[in-house]
Structures are given as structure tokens and as C-alpha cells.
PDB file of N, CA and C in Angstrom:
ATOM      1  N   UNK A   1      93.435 117.712 112.496  1.00  0.00           N
ATOM      2  CA  UNK A   1      94.603 117.251 112.025  1.00  0.00           C
ATOM      3  C   UNK A   1      94.732 116.602 110.632  1.00  0.00           C
ATOM      4  N   UNK A   2      95.353 117.122 109.913  1.00  0.00           N
ATOM      5  CA  UNK A   2      95.388 116.337 108.287  1.00  0.00           C
ATOM      6  C   UNK A   2      96.062 115.226 108.329  1.00  0.00           C
ATOM      7  N   UNK A   3      95.711 113.933 107.636  1.00  0.00           N
ATOM      8  CA  UNK A   3      95.970 112.698 107.502  1.00  0.00           C
ATOM      9  C   UNK A   3      96.634 112.736 106.373  1.00  0.00           C
ATOM     10  N   UNK A   4      97.959 112.146 106.180  1.00  0.00           N
ATOM     11  CA  UNK A   4      98.565 111.832 104.982  1.00  0.00           C
ATOM     12  C   UNK A   4      98.724 110.450 104.585  1.00  0.00           C
ATOM     13  N   UNK A   5      98.507 109.896 103.498  1.00  0.00           N
ATOM     14  CA  UNK A   5      98.830 108.724 102.960  1.00  0.00           C
ATOM     15  C   UNK A   5     100.359 108.754 102.312  1.00  0.00           C
ATOM     16  N   UNK A   6     101.248 107.671 102.592  1.00  0.00           N
ATOM     17  CA  UNK A   6     102.495 107.853 102.273  1.00  0.00           C
ATOM     18  C   UNK A   6     102.637 106.700 101.237  1.00  0.00           C
ATOM     19  N   UNK A   7     103.481 106.746 100.275  1.00  0.00           N
ATOM     20  CA  UNK A   7     103.771 105.498  99.406  1.00  0.00           C
ATOM     21  C   UNK A   7     105.138 105.664  99.542  1.00  0.00           C
ATOM     22  N   UNK A   8     105.734 104.355  98.845  1.00  0.00           N
ATOM     23  CA  UNK A   8     107.111 104.214  98.884  1.00  0.00           C
ATOM     24  C   UNK A   8     107.921 105.354  98.528  1.00  0.00           C
ATOM     25  N   UNK A   9     107.428 105.994  97.501  1.00  0.00           N
ATOM     26  CA  UNK A   9     108.421 107.213  96.805  1.00  0.00           C
ATOM     27  C   UNK A   9     108.395 108.176  97.938  1.00  0.00           C
ATOM     28  N   UNK A  10     107.124 108.498  98.654  1.00  0.00           N
ATOM     29  CA  UNK A  10     107.090 109.554  99.712  1.00  0.00           C
ATOM     30  C   UNK A  10     108.057 109.350 100.877  1.00  0.00           C
ATOM     31  N   UNK A  11     108.133 108.230 101.348  1.00  0.00           N
ATOM     32  CA  UNK A  11     108.926 107.731 102.211  1.00  0.00           C
ATOM     33  C   UNK A  11     110.452 107.927 101.978  1.00  0.00           C
ATOM     34  N   UNK A  12     110.732 107.438 100.754  1.00  0.00           N
ATOM     35  CA  UNK A  12     112.387 107.279 100.490  1.00  0.00           C
ATOM     36  C   UNK A  12     112.635 109.086 100.049  1.00  0.00           C
ATOM     37  N   UNK A  13     111.809 109.869  99.668  1.00  0.00           N
ATOM     38  CA  UNK A  13     112.083 111.207  99.512  1.00  0.00           C
ATOM     39  C   UNK A  13     112.038 111.859 100.872  1.00  0.00           C
ATOM     40  N   UNK A  14     111.637 111.365 102.011  1.00  0.00           N
ATOM     41  CA  UNK A  14     111.791 111.975 103.104  1.00  0.00           C
ATOM     42  C   UNK A  14     112.832 111.158 104.201  1.00  0.00           C
ATOM     43  N   UNK A  15     113.514 110.496 103.365  1.00  0.00           N
ATOM     44  CA  UNK A  15     114.709 109.920 104.161  1.00  0.00           C
ATOM     45  C   UNK A  15     114.547 108.538 104.691  1.00  0.00           C
ATOM     46  N   UNK A  16     113.626 107.920 104.542  1.00  0.00           N
ATOM     47  CA  UNK A  16     113.242 106.495 105.133  1.00  0.00           C
ATOM     48  C   UNK A  16     114.125 105.561 104.317  1.00  0.00           C
ATOM     49  N   UNK A  17     114.522 104.570 104.814  1.00  0.00           N
ATOM     50  CA  UNK A  17     115.191 103.475 104.008  1.00  0.00           C
ATOM     51  C   UNK A  17     114.274 102.083 104.209  1.00  0.00           C
ATOM     52  N   UNK A  18     114.157 101.398 103.143  1.00  0.00           N
ATOM     53  CA  UNK A  18     113.209 100.346 103.270  1.00  0.00           C
ATOM     54  C   UNK A  18     114.091  98.867 103.470  1.00  0.00           C
ATOM     55  N   UNK A  19     113.919  98.003 103.935  1.00  0.00           N
ATOM     56  CA  UNK A  19     114.628  96.757 104.212  1.00  0.00           C
ATOM     57  C   UNK A  19     113.587  95.473 103.806  1.00  0.00           C
ATOM     58  N   UNK A  20     114.328  94.667 103.453  1.00  0.00           N
ATOM     59  CA  UNK A  20     113.324  93.086 103.273  1.00  0.00           C
ATOM     60  C   UNK A  20     114.104  92.375 104.209  1.00  0.00           C
ATOM     61  N   UNK A  21     112.933  91.967 105.071  1.00  0.00           N
ATOM     62  CA  UNK A  21     113.392  91.378 106.415  1.00  0.00           C
ATOM     63  C   UNK A  21     113.331  89.647 106.046  1.00  0.00           C
ATOM     64  N   UNK A  22     113.913  88.951 106.541  1.00  0.00           N
ATOM     65  CA  UNK A  22     113.899  87.427 106.523  1.00  0.00           C
ATOM     66  C   UNK A  22     114.118  86.783 105.115  1.00  0.00           C
ATOM     67  N   UNK A  23     114.985  87.642 104.418  1.00  0.00           N
ATOM     68  CA  UNK A  23     114.965  87.062 102.847  1.00  0.00           C
ATOM     69  C   UNK A  23     115.774  85.726 102.835  1.00  0.00           C
ATOM     70  N   UNK A  24     115.235  84.882 102.209  1.00  0.00           N
ATOM     71  CA  UNK A  24     115.532  83.446 101.938  1.00  0.00           C
ATOM     72  C   UNK A  24     114.432  82.478 102.359  1.00  0.00           C
ATOM     73  N   UNK A  25     113.141  83.224 103.136  1.00  0.00           N
ATOM     74  CA  UNK A  25     112.307  82.331 103.494  1.00  0.00           C
ATOM     75  C   UNK A  25     111.241  82.649 102.435  1.00  0.00           C
ATOM     76  N   UNK A  26     110.248  81.609 102.764  1.00  0.00           N
ATOM     77  CA  UNK A  26     108.829  81.918 101.826  1.00  0.00           C
ATOM     78  C   UNK A  26     108.313  82.916 101.411  1.00  0.00           C
ATOM     79  N   UNK A  27     108.136  84.208 102.002  1.00  0.00           N
ATOM     80  CA  UNK A  27     107.585  85.190 101.797  1.00  0.00           C
ATOM     81  C   UNK A  27     108.267  86.310 101.161  1.00  0.00           C
ATOM     82  N   UNK A  28     109.735  86.306 100.974  1.00  0.00           N
ATOM     83  CA  UNK A  28     110.258  87.165 100.628  1.00  0.00           C
ATOM     84  C   UNK A  28     111.135  86.444  99.300  1.00  0.00           C
ATOM     85  N   UNK A  29     110.593  86.924  98.312  1.00  0.00           N
ATOM     86  CA  UNK A  29     111.061  86.476  96.931  1.00  0.00           C
ATOM     87  C   UNK A  29     111.880  87.496  96.083  1.00  0.00           C
ATOM     88  N   UNK A  30     112.540  87.038  94.997  1.00  0.00           N
ATOM     89  CA  UNK A  30     113.726  87.593  94.181  1.00  0.00           C
ATOM     90  C   UNK A  30     113.057  88.818  93.585  1.00  0.00           C
ATOM     91  N   UNK A  31     111.638  88.495  92.954  1.00  0.00           N
ATOM     92  CA  UNK A  31     110.939  89.601  92.342  1.00  0.00           C
ATOM     93  C   UNK A  31     110.722  90.971  93.139  1.00  0.00           C
ATOM     94  N   UNK A  32     110.520  90.928  94.373  1.00  0.00           N
ATOM     95  CA  UNK A  32     110.672  91.905  95.440  1.00  0.00           C
ATOM     96  C   UNK A  32     111.600  92.766  95.383  1.00  0.00           C
ATOM     97  N   UNK A  33     112.942  92.157  94.906  1.00  0.00           N
ATOM     98  CA  UNK A  33     114.167  93.049  94.909  1.00  0.00           C
ATOM     99  C   UNK A  33     113.983  94.080  93.752  1.00  0.00           C
ATOM    100  N   UNK A  34     113.358  93.733  92.897  1.00  0.00           N
ATOM    101  CA  UNK A  34     112.890  94.389  91.758  1.00  0.00           C
ATOM    102  C   UNK A  34     111.541  95.584  91.649  1.00  0.00           C
ATOM    103  N   UNK A  35     110.682  95.123  92.773  1.00  0.00           N
ATOM    104  CA  UNK A  35     109.768  95.863  92.673  1.00  0.00           C
ATOM    105  C   UNK A  35     109.614  96.913  93.636  1.00  0.00           C
ATOM    106  N   UNK A  36     110.371  96.929  94.674  1.00  0.00           N
ATOM    107  CA  UNK A  36     110.346  97.894  95.900  1.00  0.00           C
ATOM    108  C   UNK A  36     111.603  98.482  95.801  1.00  0.00           C
ATOM    109  N   UNK A  37     111.589  99.821  96.010  1.00  0.00           N
ATOM    110  CA  UNK A  37     112.925 100.512  96.369  1.00  0.00           C
ATOM    111  C   UNK A  37     113.703 100.367  97.518  1.00  0.00           C
ATOM    112  N   UNK A  38     114.059  99.127  97.684  1.00  0.00           N
ATOM    113  CA  UNK A  38     114.789  98.999  98.966  1.00  0.00           C
ATOM    114  C   UNK A  38     116.393  99.126  98.784  1.00  0.00           C
ATOM    115  N   UNK A  39     116.664  99.385 100.413  1.00  0.00           N
ATOM    116  CA  UNK A  39     118.251  99.826 100.294  1.00  0.00           C
ATOM    117  C   UNK A  39     118.845  98.709 101.217  1.00  0.00           C
ATOM    118  N   UNK A  40     118.226  97.747 101.949  1.00  0.00           N
ATOM    119  CA  UNK A  40     118.933  96.815 102.808  1.00  0.00           C
ATOM    120  C   UNK A  40     118.123  95.423 102.472  1.00  0.00           C
ATOM    121  N   UNK A  41     119.127  94.305 102.559  1.00  0.00           N
ATOM    122  CA  UNK A  41     118.704  92.988 102.461  1.00  0.00           C
ATOM    123  C   UNK A  41     119.075  92.177 103.552  1.00  0.00           C
ATOM    124  N   UNK A  42     118.024  91.700 104.380  1.00  0.00           N
ATOM    125  CA  UNK A  42     118.348  91.149 105.882  1.00  0.00           C
ATOM    126  C   UNK A  42     118.186  89.522 105.322  1.00  0.00           C
ATOM    127  N   UNK A  43     119.319  88.961 105.596  1.00  0.00           N
ATOM    128  CA  UNK A  43     119.212  87.403 105.101  1.00  0.00           C
ATOM    129  C   UNK A  43     118.805  86.768 106.474  1.00  0.00           C
ATOM    130  N   UNK A  44     117.885  85.818 106.137  1.00  0.00           N
ATOM    131  CA  UNK A  44     117.338  85.103 107.398  1.00  0.00           C
ATOM    132  C   UNK A  44     118.177  84.186 107.908  1.00  0.00           C
ATOM    133  N   UNK A  45     118.027  83.843 109.317  1.00  0.00           N
ATOM    134  CA  UNK A  45     118.708  83.068 110.227  1.00  0.00           C
ATOM    135  C   UNK A  45     118.891  81.642 109.839  1.00  0.00           C
ATOM    136  N   UNK A  46     117.882  81.057 108.918  1.00  0.00           N
ATOM    137  CA  UNK A  46     117.909  79.948 108.658  1.00  0.00           C
ATOM    138  C   UNK A  46     119.133  79.658 107.492  1.00  0.00           C
ATOM    139  N   UNK A  47     119.295  80.444 107.067  1.00  0.00           N
ATOM    140  CA  UNK A  47     120.514  80.555 106.030  1.00  0.00           C
ATOM    141  C   UNK A  47     121.965  80.723 106.916  1.00  0.00           C
ATOM    142  N   UNK A  48     121.785  81.270 107.966  1.00  0.00           N
ATOM    143  CA  UNK A  48     123.196  81.515 108.846  1.00  0.00           C
ATOM    144  C   UNK A  48     123.406  80.569 109.733  1.00  0.00           C
ATOM    145  N   UNK A  49     122.208  79.719 110.150  1.00  0.00           N
ATOM    146  CA  UNK A  49     122.524  78.757 110.960  1.00  0.00           C
ATOM    147  C   UNK A  49     123.451  77.955 110.526  1.00  0.00           C
ATOM    148  N   UNK A  50     123.536  77.467 109.431  1.00  0.00           N
ATOM    149  CA  UNK A  50     124.511  76.463 108.999  1.00  0.00           C
ATOM    150  C   UNK A  50     125.550  77.022 107.811  1.00  0.00           C
ATOM    151  N   UNK A  51     126.095  78.178 108.168  1.00  0.00           N
ATOM    152  CA  UNK A  51     126.846  79.027 107.255  1.00  0.00           C
ATOM    153  C   UNK A  51     128.172  78.212 107.418  1.00  0.00           C
ATOM    154  N   UNK A  52     128.486  77.359 108.193  1.00  0.00           N
ATOM    155  CA  UNK A  52     129.812  76.532 108.077  1.00  0.00           C
ATOM    156  C   UNK A  52     129.629  75.638 106.996  1.00  0.00           C
ATOM    157  N   UNK A  53     128.455  75.260 106.598  1.00  0.00           N
ATOM    158  CA  UNK A  53     128.200  74.125 105.455  1.00  0.00           C
ATOM    159  C   UNK A  53     128.320  74.559 104.232  1.00  0.00           C
ATOM    160  N   UNK A  54     129.197  74.023 103.392  1.00  0.00           N
ATOM    161  CA  UNK A  54     129.757  74.786 102.189  1.00  0.00           C
ATOM    162  C   UNK A  54     128.413  75.156 101.224  1.00  0.00           C
ATOM    163  N   UNK A  55     127.486  74.247 101.090  1.00  0.00           N
ATOM    164  CA  UNK A  55     126.229  74.783 100.434  1.00  0.00           C
ATOM    165  C   UNK A  55     125.576  76.247 100.845  1.00  0.00           C
ATOM    166  N   UNK A  56     125.583  76.364 102.196  1.00  0.00           N
ATOM    167  CA  UNK A  56     124.834  77.452 102.628  1.00  0.00           C
ATOM    168  C   UNK A  56     126.068  78.638 102.438  1.00  0.00           C
ATOM    169  N   UNK A  57     127.048  78.488 102.657  1.00  0.00           N
ATOM    170  CA  UNK A  57     128.164  79.469 102.199  1.00  0.00           C
ATOM    171  C   UNK A  57     127.872  79.938 100.501  1.00  0.00           C
ATOM    172  N   UNK A  58     127.631  79.076  99.741  1.00  0.00           N
ATOM    173  CA  UNK A  58     127.524  79.033  98.297  1.00  0.00           C
ATOM    174  C   UNK A  58     126.266  80.057  98.232  1.00  0.00           C
ATOM    175  N   UNK A  59     125.153  79.868  98.824  1.00  0.00           N
ATOM    176  CA  UNK A  59     123.845  80.274  98.827  1.00  0.00           C
ATOM    177  C   UNK A  59     123.903  81.664  99.310  1.00  0.00           C
ATOM    178  N   UNK A  60     124.512  81.805 100.477  1.00  0.00           N
ATOM    179  CA  UNK A  60     124.786  83.222 101.178  1.00  0.00           C
ATOM    180  C   UNK A  60     125.684  84.220 100.218  1.00  0.00           C
ATOM    181  N   UNK A  61     126.763  83.609  99.663  1.00  0.00           N
ATOM    182  CA  UNK A  61     127.538  84.414  98.824  1.00  0.00           C
ATOM    183  C   UNK A  61     126.970  84.956  97.532  1.00  0.00           C
ATOM    184  N   UNK A  62     125.928  84.155  97.047  1.00  0.00           N
ATOM    185  CA  UNK A  62     125.350  84.480  95.936  1.00  0.00           C
ATOM    186  C   UNK A  62     124.137  85.698  96.212  1.00  0.00           C
ATOM    187  N   UNK A  63     123.698  85.377  97.187  1.00  0.00           N
ATOM    188  CA  UNK A  63     122.825  86.466  97.589  1.00  0.00           C
ATOM    189  C   UNK A  63     123.399  87.616  97.764  1.00  0.00           C
ATOM    190  N   UNK A  64     124.676  87.893  98.452  1.00  0.00           N
ATOM    191  CA  UNK A  64     125.379  88.987  98.940  1.00  0.00           C
ATOM    192  C   UNK A  64     125.930  89.557  97.258  1.00  0.00           C
ATOM    193  N   UNK A  65     126.113  88.717  96.302  1.00  0.00           N
ATOM    194  CA  UNK A  65     126.644  89.273  95.190  1.00  0.00           C
ATOM    195  C   UNK A  65     125.499  89.841  94.583  1.00  0.00           C
ATOM    196  N   UNK A  66     124.246  89.391  94.545  1.00  0.00           N
ATOM    197  CA  UNK A  66     123.185  89.772  93.950  1.00  0.00           C
ATOM    198  C   UNK A  66     122.733  91.189  94.524  1.00  0.00           C
ATOM    199  N   UNK A  67     122.870  91.288  96.022  1.00  0.00           N
ATOM    200  CA  UNK A  67     122.504  92.274  96.677  1.00  0.00           C
ATOM    201  C   UNK A  67     123.608  93.566  96.427  1.00  0.00           C
ATOM    202  N   UNK A  68     124.673  93.121  96.118  1.00  0.00           N
ATOM    203  CA  UNK A  68     125.994  94.265  96.008  1.00  0.00           C
ATOM    204  C   UNK A  68     125.571  94.610  94.462  1.00  0.00           C
ATOM    205  N   UNK A  69     125.185  93.802  93.482  1.00  0.00           N
ATOM    206  CA  UNK A  69     124.984  94.276  91.979  1.00  0.00           C
ATOM    207  C   UNK A  69     123.826  95.306  92.159  1.00  0.00           C
ATOM    208  N   UNK A  70     122.749  95.360  93.042  1.00  0.00           N
ATOM    209  CA  UNK A  70     121.667  96.117  93.205  1.00  0.00           C
ATOM    210  C   UNK A  70     121.985  97.055  93.965  1.00  0.00           C
ATOM    211  N   UNK A  71     123.239  97.343  94.680  1.00  0.00           N
ATOM    212  CA  UNK A  71     123.533  98.447  95.740  1.00  0.00           C
ATOM    213  C   UNK A  71     122.818  98.303  96.659  1.00  0.00           C
ATOM    214  N   UNK A  72     122.457  97.138  97.385  1.00  0.00           N
ATOM    215  CA  UNK A  72     121.823  97.039  98.809  1.00  0.00           C
ATOM    216  C   UNK A  72     122.949  96.608  99.716  1.00  0.00           C
ATOM    217  N   UNK A  73     122.647  97.162 100.789  1.00  0.00           N
ATOM    218  CA  UNK A  73     123.361  96.814 102.165  1.00  0.00           C
ATOM    219  C   UNK A  73     122.975  95.566 102.803  1.00  0.00           C
ATOM    220  N   UNK A  74     123.797  94.457 102.965  1.00  0.00           N
ATOM    221  CA  UNK A  74     123.488  93.308 103.301  1.00  0.00           C
ATOM    222  C   UNK A  74     123.662  93.001 104.830  1.00  0.00           C
ATOM    223  N   UNK A  75     122.647  92.523 105.694  1.00  0.00           N
ATOM    224  CA  UNK A  75     122.871  92.199 106.900  1.00  0.00           C
ATOM    225  C   UNK A  75     122.474  90.732 107.039  1.00  0.00           C
ATOM    226  N   UNK A  76     123.129  90.085 108.171  1.00  0.00           N
ATOM    227  CA  UNK A  76     123.105  88.584 108.258  1.00  0.00           C
ATOM    228  C   UNK A  76     122.053  88.630 109.688  1.00  0.00           C
ATOM    229  N   UNK A  77     121.008  87.797 109.862  1.00  0.00           N
ATOM    230  CA  UNK A  77     120.172  87.866 110.957  1.00  0.00           C
ATOM    231  C   UNK A  77     120.510  86.680 111.953  1.00  0.00           C
ATOM    232  N   UNK A  78     120.068  86.675 113.054  1.00  0.00           N
ATOM    233  CA  UNK A  78     120.179  85.340 114.031  1.00  0.00           C
ATOM    234  C   UNK A  78     121.847  84.824 114.238  1.00  0.00           C
ATOM    235  N   UNK A  79     122.610  85.867 114.299  1.00  0.00           N
ATOM    236  CA  UNK A  79     124.320  85.180 114.155  1.00  0.00           C
ATOM    237  C   UNK A  79     124.364  85.166 115.903  1.00  0.00           C
ATOM    238  N   UNK A  80     124.793  83.800 116.139  1.00  0.00           N
ATOM    239  CA  UNK A  80     124.864  83.433 117.286  1.00  0.00           C
ATOM    240  C   UNK A  80     126.562  83.092 117.933  1.00  0.00           C
ATOM    241  N   UNK A  81     127.443  83.267 116.972  1.00  0.00           N
ATOM    242  CA  UNK A  81     128.853  82.470 117.444  1.00  0.00           C
ATOM    243  C   UNK A  81     129.777  83.376 116.866  1.00  0.00           C
ATOM    244  N   UNK A  82     130.964  83.365 117.116  1.00  0.00           N
ATOM    245  CA  UNK A  82     132.044  84.384 116.699  1.00  0.00           C
ATOM    246  C   UNK A  82     132.622  83.613 115.360  1.00  0.00           C
ATOM    247  N   UNK A  83     132.314  82.390 115.292  1.00  0.00           N
ATOM    248  CA  UNK A  83     132.934  81.685 113.779  1.00  0.00           C
ATOM    249  C   UNK A  83     131.802  82.155 112.863  1.00  0.00           C
ATOM    250  N   UNK A  84     130.562  82.221 113.025  1.00  0.00           N
ATOM    251  CA  UNK A  84     129.450  82.986 112.221  1.00  0.00           C
ATOM    252  C   UNK A  84     130.012  84.348 111.677  1.00  0.00           C
ATOM    253  N   UNK A  85     130.251  85.249 112.606  1.00  0.00           N
ATOM    254  CA  UNK A  85     130.779  86.365 112.454  1.00  0.00           C
ATOM    255  C   UNK A  85     131.974  86.364 111.548  1.00  0.00           C
ATOM    256  N   UNK A  86     132.832  85.777 111.926  1.00  0.00           N
ATOM    257  CA  UNK A  86     134.073  85.696 110.854  1.00  0.00           C
ATOM    258  C   UNK A  86     133.872  84.977 109.651  1.00  0.00           C
ATOM    259  N   UNK A  87     132.867  84.233 109.326  1.00  0.00           N
ATOM    260  CA  UNK A  87     132.615  83.680 107.916  1.00  0.00           C
ATOM    261  C   UNK A  87     131.764  84.669 107.092  1.00  0.00           C
ATOM    262  N   UNK A  88     130.588  85.281 107.961  1.00  0.00           N
ATOM    263  CA  UNK A  88     130.069  86.323 107.379  1.00  0.00           C
ATOM    264  C   UNK A  88     130.800  87.394 106.985  1.00  0.00           C
ATOM    265  N   UNK A  89     131.645  88.024 107.866  1.00  0.00           N
ATOM    266  CA  UNK A  89     132.450  89.228 107.347  1.00  0.00           C
ATOM    267  C   UNK A  89     133.333  88.773 106.128  1.00  0.00           C
ATOM    268  N   UNK A  90     134.019  87.473 106.150  1.00  0.00           N
ATOM    269  CA  UNK A  90     134.841  87.162 104.983  1.00  0.00           C
ATOM    270  C   UNK A  90     134.023  87.217 103.586  1.00  0.00           C
ATOM    271  N   UNK A  91     132.616  86.623 103.906  1.00  0.00           N
ATOM    272  CA  UNK A  91     131.816  86.585 102.732  1.00  0.00           C
ATOM    273  C   UNK A  91     131.125  88.173 102.281  1.00  0.00           C
ATOM    274  N   UNK A  92     131.557  89.107 102.876  1.00  0.00           N
ATOM    275  CA  UNK A  92     131.299  90.452 102.432  1.00  0.00           C
ATOM    276  C   UNK A  92     129.832  90.921 102.851  1.00  0.00           C
ATOM    277  N   UNK A  93     129.450  90.559 104.102  1.00  0.00           N
ATOM    278  CA  UNK A  93     128.188  90.826 104.593  1.00  0.00           C
ATOM    279  C   UNK A  93     128.652  92.240 105.384  1.00  0.00           C
ATOM    280  N   UNK A  94     127.544  93.412 105.168  1.00  0.00           N
ATOM    281  CA  UNK A  94     127.845  94.649 105.686  1.00  0.00           C
ATOM    282  C   UNK A  94     127.849  94.642 107.171  1.00  0.00           C
ATOM    283  N   UNK A  95     126.858  93.839 107.902  1.00  0.00           N
ATOM    284  CA  UNK A  95     126.628  94.005 109.184  1.00  0.00           C
ATOM    285  C   UNK A  95     125.930  92.782 109.773  1.00  0.00           C
ATOM    286  N   UNK A  96     125.790  92.459 110.913  1.00  0.00           N
ATOM    287  CA  UNK A  96     125.305  91.140 111.427  1.00  0.00           C
ATOM    288  C   UNK A  96     124.542  91.638 112.583  1.00  0.00           C
ATOM    289  N   UNK A  97     123.589  90.807 113.012  1.00  0.00           N
ATOM    290  CA  UNK A  97     122.616  90.958 114.370  1.00  0.00           C
ATOM    291  C   UNK A  97     122.355  89.698 115.018  1.00  0.00           C
ATOM    292  N   UNK A  98     122.209  89.831 116.132  1.00  0.00           N
ATOM    293  CA  UNK A  98     121.742  88.398 116.752  1.00  0.00           C
ATOM    294  C   UNK A  98     122.164  88.228 118.061  1.00  0.00           C
ATOM    295  N   UNK A  99     121.894  87.083 118.741  1.00  0.00           N
ATOM    296  CA  UNK A  99     122.398  86.912 120.082  1.00  0.00           C
ATOM    297  C   UNK A  99     123.992  87.019 120.595  1.00  0.00           C
ATOM    298  N   UNK A 100     124.630  86.696 119.487  1.00  0.00           N
ATOM    299  CA  UNK A 100     126.235  86.758 119.800  1.00  0.00           C
ATOM    300  C   UNK A 100     126.120  88.253 120.045  1.00  0.00           C
ATOM    301  N   UNK A 101     125.640  89.145 119.984  1.00  0.00           N
ATOM    302  CA  UNK A 101     125.746  90.464 120.545  1.00  0.00           C
ATOM    303  C   UNK A 101     125.255  90.740 121.714  1.00  0.00           C
ATOM    304  N   UNK A 102     123.736  90.570 121.688  1.00  0.00           N
ATOM    305  CA  UNK A 102     122.878  90.763 122.852  1.00  0.00           C
ATOM    306  C   UNK A 102     121.547  90.103 122.578  1.00  0.00           C
ATOM    307  N   UNK A 103     120.953  89.694 123.426  1.00  0.00           N
ATOM    308  CA  UNK A 103     119.614  88.870 123.518  1.00  0.00           C
ATOM    309  C   UNK A 103     118.488  90.329 123.497  1.00  0.00           C
ATOM    310  N   UNK A 104     117.417  90.004 123.198  1.00  0.00           N
ATOM    311  CA  UNK A 104     116.603  91.446 123.348  1.00  0.00           C
ATOM    312  C   UNK A 104     116.534  91.660 124.941  1.00  0.00           C
ATOM    313  N   UNK A 105     116.450  92.987 125.024  1.00  0.00           N
ATOM    314  CA  UNK A 105     116.604  93.713 126.157  1.00  0.00           C
ATOM    315  C   UNK A 105     115.525  94.771 126.345  1.00  0.00           C
ATOM    316  N   UNK A 106     115.129  95.087 127.652  1.00  0.00           N
ATOM    317  CA  UNK A 106     114.091  95.973 127.874  1.00  0.00           C
ATOM    318  C   UNK A 106     114.637  97.455 127.658  1.00  0.00           C
ATOM    319  N   UNK A 107     113.592  98.345 127.235  1.00  0.00           N
ATOM    320  CA  UNK A 107     114.289  99.955 127.047  1.00  0.00           C
ATOM    321  C   UNK A 107     115.183 100.487 128.044  1.00  0.00           C
ATOM    322  N   UNK A 108     114.881 100.133 129.231  1.00  0.00           N
ATOM    323  CA  UNK A 108     115.987 100.809 130.366  1.00  0.00           C
ATOM    324  C   UNK A 108     117.208 100.273 129.979  1.00  0.00           C
ATOM    325  N   UNK A 109     117.240  99.042 129.855  1.00  0.00           N
ATOM    326  CA  UNK A 109     118.708  98.275 129.704  1.00  0.00           C
ATOM    327  C   UNK A 109     119.358  98.823 128.487  1.00  0.00           C
ATOM    328  N   UNK A 110     118.761  99.058 127.405  1.00  0.00           N
ATOM    329  CA  UNK A 110     119.075  99.390 126.126  1.00  0.00           C
ATOM    330  C   UNK A 110     119.571 101.044 126.397  1.00  0.00           C
ATOM    331  N   UNK A 111     118.908 101.942 127.337  1.00  0.00           N
ATOM    332  CA  UNK A 111     119.354 103.380 127.497  1.00  0.00           C
ATOM    333  C   UNK A 111     120.626 103.106 128.184  1.00  0.00           C
ATOM    334  N   UNK A 112     120.678 102.393 129.242  1.00  0.00           N
ATOM    335  CA  UNK A 112     122.016 102.309 130.041  1.00  0.00           C
ATOM    336  C   UNK A 112     123.186 101.833 129.211  1.00  0.00           C
ATOM    337  N   UNK A 113     122.869 100.824 128.507  1.00  0.00           N
ATOM    338  CA  UNK A 113     123.949 100.460 127.504  1.00  0.00           C
ATOM    339  C   UNK A 113     124.417 101.780 126.726  1.00  0.00           C
ATOM    340  N   UNK A 114     123.426 102.422 125.928  1.00  0.00           N
ATOM    341  CA  UNK A 114     124.005 103.609 125.175  1.00  0.00           C
ATOM    342  C   UNK A 114     124.580 104.518 125.926  1.00  0.00           C
ATOM    343  N   UNK A 115     124.334 104.834 127.162  1.00  0.00           N
ATOM    344  CA  UNK A 115     124.754 105.707 128.091  1.00  0.00           C
ATOM    345  C   UNK A 115     126.276 105.605 128.451  1.00  0.00           C
ATOM    346  N   UNK A 116     126.342 104.138 128.659  1.00  0.00           N
ATOM    347  CA  UNK A 116     127.776 103.591 128.868  1.00  0.00           C
ATOM    348  C   UNK A 116     128.809 103.863 127.816  1.00  0.00           C
ATOM    349  N   UNK A 117     128.164 103.500 126.492  1.00  0.00           N
ATOM    350  CA  UNK A 117     129.156 103.694 125.019  1.00  0.00           C
ATOM    351  C   UNK A 117     129.281 105.209 125.316  1.00  0.00           C
ATOM    352  N   UNK A 118     128.227 105.874 125.127  1.00  0.00           N
ATOM    353  CA  UNK A 118     128.372 107.387 124.944  1.00  0.00           C
ATOM    354  C   UNK A 118     129.622 107.927 125.966  1.00  0.00           C
ATOM    355  N   UNK A 119     129.694 107.279 127.135  1.00  0.00           N
ATOM    356  CA  UNK A 119     130.503 107.902 128.177  1.00  0.00           C
ATOM    357  C   UNK A 119     132.204 107.141 127.853  1.00  0.00           C
ATOM    358  N   UNK A 120     132.068 106.126 127.296  1.00  0.00           N
ATOM    359  CA  UNK A 120     133.402 105.576 126.864  1.00  0.00           C
ATOM    360  C   UNK A 120     134.044 106.326 125.703  1.00  0.00           C
ATOM    361  N   UNK A 121     132.913 106.928 124.741  1.00  0.00           N
ATOM    362  CA  UNK A 121     133.724 107.543 123.668  1.00  0.00           C
ATOM    363  C   UNK A 121     134.132 108.820 124.179  1.00  0.00           C
ATOM    364  N   UNK A 122     133.473 109.663 125.299  1.00  0.00           N
ATOM    365  CA  UNK A 122     133.944 110.758 125.896  1.00  0.00           C
ATOM    366  C   UNK A 122     135.102 110.619 126.388  1.00  0.00           C
ATOM    367  N   UNK A 123     135.480 109.375 127.189  1.00  0.00           N
ATOM    368  CA  UNK A 123     136.769 109.145 127.848  1.00  0.00           C
ATOM    369  C   UNK A 123     137.840 109.236 127.026  1.00  0.00           C
ATOM    370  N   UNK A 124     137.707 108.965 125.556  1.00  0.00           N
ATOM    371  CA  UNK A 124     138.719 108.798 124.862  1.00  0.00           C
ATOM    372  C   UNK A 124     139.270 109.920 124.205  1.00  0.00           C
ATOM    373  N   UNK A 125     138.480 110.899 124.331  1.00  0.00           N
ATOM    374  CA  UNK A 125     138.744 112.564 123.646  1.00  0.00           C
ATOM    375  C   UNK A 125     139.850 113.102 124.366  1.00  0.00           C
TER     376      UNK A 125
END
């Protein structure tokens, strides 16, 4: 079997998307937005936790604006309440993930949920 080494360009040329996870924490910095061909910016839970605070909203909105200017998709991590979902949506977030929707599940449970959702879609036809 032949082994292939992949670089970022190879991955993108083959349909992969690259995301920066936990943006806003120590290891993810602004220069990485320039150096890597990313498509998605996932904003860390530490910013989301206090999104009701005006300073956190300003920081979040600034990250959203920066990401939009660079044509990134913006995802908020660690969302736990409806209020957070509402605020993040209002501030222009493309997507949210967190315990508000589901806690981590075993594969079998995920499969079951996906099958139920598929059945619901079929019922609407």
C-alpha cells in the first residue's frame, strides 16, 4: 500500500474543510487566521459562558466581524442556555454547539436519534 503525505492544500483540494477550535484561548491566535486556509472559526466556551455581559458581547461580535471579513463560518462552542442561543444568533453566529442541544452520547444513541430524525422527514413528505 502506498502512503501519501497530505498538506493543507491537498486536503482542501480534496474537499476537506479546516476549522480553528477553541478560538479565544491561549493556543489559538490571530496570526493563525492568516497562515492557515481555514473555513470555520469555533469560538471557545470561555467567551460564551458570560455572553450576557456587555464586554463579552463586544469581544464576540468583534470576532464574528473579523471572521466574516475573512469569509469564515462562525460557530459558538459550549452553549448551555436558550438565552445564549438567542444572543449568539442576534450577534451573527452561523451555528452553535453545546449541552443545550445534547450532552455527549454513545454512537448507538446518535444512530438512533439520526434514524428518528430521518423518519420525521419522511413523514412530512
